[in-house]
Amino acid sequence: LQPFARQYFSGQDPVGQRVNFTDVSDGWSEIVGVVADVAENAVNRTVPCQSYEPFDQQPRPWLNIVVRRSAETTEPAAAATLTHALRQTVYAVDKEQPVGSVVALDEVLAGGLARPRFTALMIAVFSLIAFSIAAVGLYGVMAYNVTQRSGEFGIRLALGARPADVFRLVLTQGGKLVGLGLVLGMAASLASGRIIPSALYQISAHDPLTLGGIALLLA
């Protein structure tokens, strides 16, 4: 795979190179091609360094076969017919050959994404709760502050202040609270970003666009 080629043959053509994965001197194999990255276990995991070897050279006690089906076999009944046909094809070659489960690739992919999706859902739910608490808390503090200073605002208006001036005063003081909260929250986010990198897919824990967008939304 490409990660293997990049790590061990960086800057040179890996095709034609020889490698030895065994502990014997005559166990050398020649690289005949490089294939793209393949996410075998989960799409959010780093593709490891690995190689493909011909089955007749490195036989295994079991294997997986991928079968491409036509568009007409997408219905459940047609899929069941296809499964039966696959089993009969194997039995025609070897009646004693056990056939494991036949699973659609969509189901395999959904199973691999189940845990990341659940983790993302939980993070989204708790983030929404935290956002709601922050918004309600800020509103409560501002409402309490305005109520406590209603007499002061009345005096300011009586002395010639315009309503816009009072409004600007409240927004300025509220903006200081928001700014302080954003600074502290951003620092906490950058610090905690090292804890949850495995829960993120194709996005950095310190992605500036995401952090900036959330900060703007909160503001």
Protein backbone atom coordinates (compact mmCIF):
# COMPACT_ATOMS: atom_id res chain seq x y z
CA LEU A 1 0.00 0.00 0.00
CA GLN A 2 1.00 3.64 -0.39
CA PRO A 3 1.86 4.14 3.34
CA PHE A 4 4.37 1.29 3.08
CA ALA A 5 5.89 2.76 -0.08
CA ARG A 6 6.10 6.25 1.43
CA GLN A 7 7.74 5.04 4.62
CA TYR A 8 10.31 2.64 3.23
CA PHE A 9 10.87 3.85 -0.35
CA SER A 10 10.45 7.60 -0.09
CA GLY A 11 11.82 9.42 -3.11
CA GLN A 12 12.28 6.30 -5.22
CA ASP A 13 10.19 3.92 -7.29
CA PRO A 14 9.17 0.97 -5.08
CA VAL A 15 8.26 -1.24 -8.05
CA GLY A 16 11.03 -3.77 -8.56
CA GLN A 17 12.38 -3.39 -5.03
CA ARG A 18 12.76 -6.52 -2.91
CA VAL A 19 11.51 -6.98 0.66
CA ASN A 20 11.73 -9.78 3.20
CA PHE A 21 8.99 -10.21 5.79
CA THR A 22 10.33 -13.52 7.08
CA ASP A 23 13.22 -14.62 9.27
CA VAL A 24 14.86 -16.71 6.54
CA SER A 25 17.41 -15.55 4.01
CA ASP A 26 15.51 -16.82 0.96
CA GLY A 27 12.21 -15.18 1.86
CA TRP A 28 12.62 -12.18 -0.41
CA SER A 29 9.69 -10.91 -2.47
CA GLU A 30 9.62 -8.42 -5.32
CA ILE A 31 7.22 -5.47 -5.31
CA VAL A 32 5.20 -5.51 -8.52
CA GLY A 33 2.82 -2.61 -7.83
CA VAL A 34 1.52 -0.05 -5.37
CA VAL A 35 -2.18 0.31 -4.56
CA ALA A 36 -4.03 3.20 -2.94
CA ASP A 37 -4.80 3.43 0.76
CA VAL A 38 -7.43 0.97 1.99
CA ALA A 39 -9.31 1.62 5.23
CA GLU A 40 -9.95 -1.93 6.37
CA ASN A 41 -11.34 -1.59 9.89
CA ALA A 42 -12.74 1.93 10.09
CA VAL A 43 -12.63 5.05 7.94
CA ASN A 44 -11.38 7.19 10.83
CA ARG A 45 -8.29 5.09 11.50
CA THR A 46 -4.88 5.66 10.02
CA VAL A 47 -4.10 3.26 7.20
CA PRO A 48 -1.25 1.03 8.43
CA CYS A 49 1.82 -0.05 6.52
CA GLN A 50 0.98 -3.40 4.95
CA SER A 51 1.38 -5.41 1.77
CA TYR A 52 -0.63 -7.77 -0.41
CA GLU A 53 0.84 -11.15 -1.25
CA PRO A 54 -0.37 -13.77 -3.77
CA PHE A 55 -2.55 -16.41 -2.15
CA ASP A 56 -0.58 -19.29 -3.67
CA GLN A 57 2.58 -17.92 -2.06
CA GLN A 58 1.07 -17.06 1.33
CA PRO A 59 -2.08 -19.16 1.77
CA ARG A 60 -4.48 -18.44 4.63
CA PRO A 61 -6.99 -20.75 6.32
CA TRP A 62 -9.78 -18.32 5.43
CA LEU A 63 -10.45 -15.47 3.05
CA ASN A 64 -13.05 -12.90 2.11
CA ILE A 65 -14.48 -12.60 -1.37
CA VAL A 66 -15.96 -9.34 -2.64
CA VAL A 67 -18.66 -9.75 -5.27
CA ARG A 68 -20.03 -6.88 -7.33
CA ARG A 69 -23.76 -7.16 -7.87
CA SER A 70 -25.88 -5.53 -10.52
CA ALA A 71 -28.44 -2.82 -9.87
CA GLU A 72 -31.29 -5.33 -10.23
CA THR A 73 -30.19 -7.19 -7.07
CA THR A 74 -30.73 -4.35 -4.64
CA GLU A 75 -34.12 -5.59 -3.46
CA PRO A 76 -34.10 -7.87 -0.37
CA ALA A 77 -35.54 -10.83 -2.28
CA ALA A 78 -32.99 -10.45 -5.07
CA ALA A 79 -30.18 -10.10 -2.53
CA ALA A 80 -31.29 -13.36 -0.89
CA THR A 81 -31.26 -15.05 -4.27
CA LEU A 82 -27.76 -13.74 -4.88
CA THR A 83 -26.61 -15.06 -1.50
CA HIS A 84 -27.97 -18.50 -2.31
CA ALA A 85 -26.30 -18.43 -5.71
CA LEU A 86 -22.96 -17.51 -4.15
CA ARG A 87 -23.16 -20.39 -1.69
CA GLN A 88 -24.08 -22.85 -4.46
CA THR A 89 -21.15 -21.61 -6.54
CA VAL A 90 -18.74 -22.34 -3.71
CA TYR A 91 -20.31 -25.75 -3.03
CA ALA A 92 -19.99 -26.62 -6.71
CA VAL A 93 -16.23 -26.29 -6.30
CA ASP A 94 -15.99 -27.90 -2.85
CA LYS A 95 -19.02 -29.30 -1.03
CA GLU A 96 -17.08 -29.46 2.24
CA GLN A 97 -16.02 -25.83 2.09
CA PRO A 98 -17.72 -23.82 4.88
CA VAL A 99 -19.22 -20.50 3.84
CA GLY A 100 -19.50 -17.80 6.45
CA SER A 101 -21.90 -14.91 6.53
CA VAL A 102 -22.72 -13.05 3.34
CA VAL A 103 -23.02 -9.37 4.18
CA ALA A 104 -23.68 -6.36 1.97
CA LEU A 105 -20.83 -3.86 1.85
CA ASP A 106 -23.22 -1.14 2.99
CA GLU A 107 -23.79 -3.08 6.21
CA VAL A 108 -20.06 -3.53 6.72
CA LEU A 109 -19.51 0.19 6.23
CA ALA A 110 -22.39 1.06 8.56
CA GLY A 111 -20.93 -1.21 11.23
CA GLY A 112 -17.55 0.46 10.92
CA LEU A 113 -19.16 3.89 11.23
CA ALA A 114 -21.53 3.02 14.09
CA ARG A 115 -19.15 3.89 16.91
CA PRO A 116 -17.80 7.13 15.37
CA ARG A 117 -21.36 8.23 14.60
CA PHE A 118 -22.49 7.50 18.16
CA THR A 119 -19.50 9.38 19.56
CA ALA A 120 -20.18 12.33 17.26
CA LEU A 121 -23.85 12.32 18.30
CA MET A 122 -22.96 12.35 22.00
CA ILE A 123 -20.46 15.16 21.48
CA ALA A 124 -23.08 17.13 19.54
CA VAL A 125 -25.73 16.59 22.24
CA PHE A 126 -23.46 17.64 25.09
CA SER A 127 -22.17 20.58 23.05
CA LEU A 128 -25.73 21.74 22.46
CA ILE A 129 -26.47 21.43 26.18
CA ALA A 130 -23.34 23.41 27.03
CA PHE A 131 -24.25 26.04 24.44
CA SER A 132 -27.78 26.34 25.89
CA ILE A 133 -26.45 26.66 29.44
CA ALA A 134 -24.00 29.35 28.33
CA ALA A 135 -26.69 31.29 26.46
CA VAL A 136 -29.21 31.07 29.31
CA GLY A 137 -26.52 31.97 31.84
CA LEU A 138 -25.39 35.01 29.89
CA TYR A 139 -28.98 36.13 29.40
CA GLY A 140 -29.67 35.69 33.10
CA VAL A 141 -26.62 37.69 34.15
CA MET A 142 -27.43 40.49 31.72
CA ALA A 143 -31.10 40.57 32.69
CA TYR A 144 -30.22 40.69 36.39
CA ASN A 145 -27.66 43.43 35.79
CA VAL A 146 -30.14 45.53 33.81
CA THR A 147 -32.82 45.06 36.49
CA GLN A 148 -30.44 46.09 39.25
CA ARG A 149 -29.38 49.21 37.34
CA SER A 150 -32.81 50.28 36.08
CA GLY A 151 -32.76 53.24 38.51
CA GLU A 152 -29.35 54.31 37.21
CA PHE A 153 -30.57 54.11 33.64
CA GLY A 154 -33.57 56.24 34.53
CA ILE A 155 -31.30 58.91 35.99
CA ARG A 156 -29.07 58.84 32.92
CA LEU A 157 -32.09 59.31 30.66
CA ALA A 158 -33.37 62.13 32.89
CA LEU A 159 -30.00 63.87 32.61
CA GLY A 160 -30.13 63.77 28.82
CA ALA A 161 -28.72 60.42 27.82
CA ARG A 162 -30.31 58.86 24.77
CA PRO A 163 -31.75 55.33 24.84
CA ALA A 164 -29.09 54.33 22.35
CA ASP A 165 -26.40 55.41 24.83
CA VAL A 166 -27.88 53.21 27.54
CA PHE A 167 -28.22 50.35 25.08
CA ARG A 168 -24.60 50.78 24.04
CA LEU A 169 -23.50 50.76 27.68
CA VAL A 170 -25.26 47.47 28.34
CA LEU A 171 -23.85 45.89 25.17
CA THR A 172 -20.33 47.04 26.02
CA GLN A 173 -20.44 45.48 29.45
CA GLY A 174 -22.03 42.32 28.05
CA GLY A 175 -19.39 42.20 25.33
CA LYS A 176 -16.66 42.14 27.97
CA LEU A 177 -18.27 39.08 29.54
CA VAL A 178 -18.61 37.42 26.15
CA GLY A 179 -15.03 38.25 25.18
CA LEU A 180 -13.65 36.89 28.44
CA GLY A 181 -15.73 33.74 28.08
CA LEU A 182 -14.57 33.23 24.49
CA VAL A 183 -10.92 33.62 25.45
CA LEU A 184 -11.23 31.14 28.30
CA GLY A 185 -13.34 28.78 26.19
CA MET A 186 -10.89 28.91 23.27
CA ALA A 187 -7.99 28.13 25.60
CA ALA A 188 -9.92 25.21 27.10
CA SER A 189 -10.81 23.97 23.61
CA LEU A 190 -7.20 24.05 22.45
CA ALA A 191 -6.11 22.23 25.60
CA SER A 192 -8.80 19.55 25.39
CA GLY A 193 -8.19 19.06 21.67
CA ARG A 194 -5.41 16.64 22.54
CA ILE A 195 -7.86 14.41 24.38
CA ILE A 196 -10.42 13.72 21.63
CA PRO A 197 -8.49 13.45 18.34
CA SER A 198 -9.78 9.90 17.83
CA ALA A 199 -13.37 11.21 17.83
CA LEU A 200 -12.65 13.52 14.90
CA TYR A 201 -12.64 12.49 11.24
CA GLN A 202 -10.95 14.51 8.51
CA ILE A 203 -10.80 17.54 10.78
CA SER A 204 -8.16 18.81 13.16
CA ALA A 205 -8.89 19.45 16.82
CA HIS A 206 -7.43 22.92 16.24
CA ASP A 207 -9.21 23.64 12.96
CA PRO A 208 -9.29 27.47 12.75
CA LEU A 209 -12.45 27.58 10.62
CA THR A 210 -14.42 25.48 13.10
CA LEU A 211 -13.14 27.32 16.17
CA GLY A 212 -13.71 30.70 14.56
CA GLY A 213 -17.22 29.78 13.40
CA ILE A 214 -18.26 28.54 16.84
CA ALA A 215 -16.77 31.61 18.52
CA LEU A 216 -18.70 33.85 16.12
CA LEU A 217 -21.91 31.91 16.78
CA LEU A 218 -21.48 32.21 20.53
CA ALA A 219 -20.68 35.92 20.25
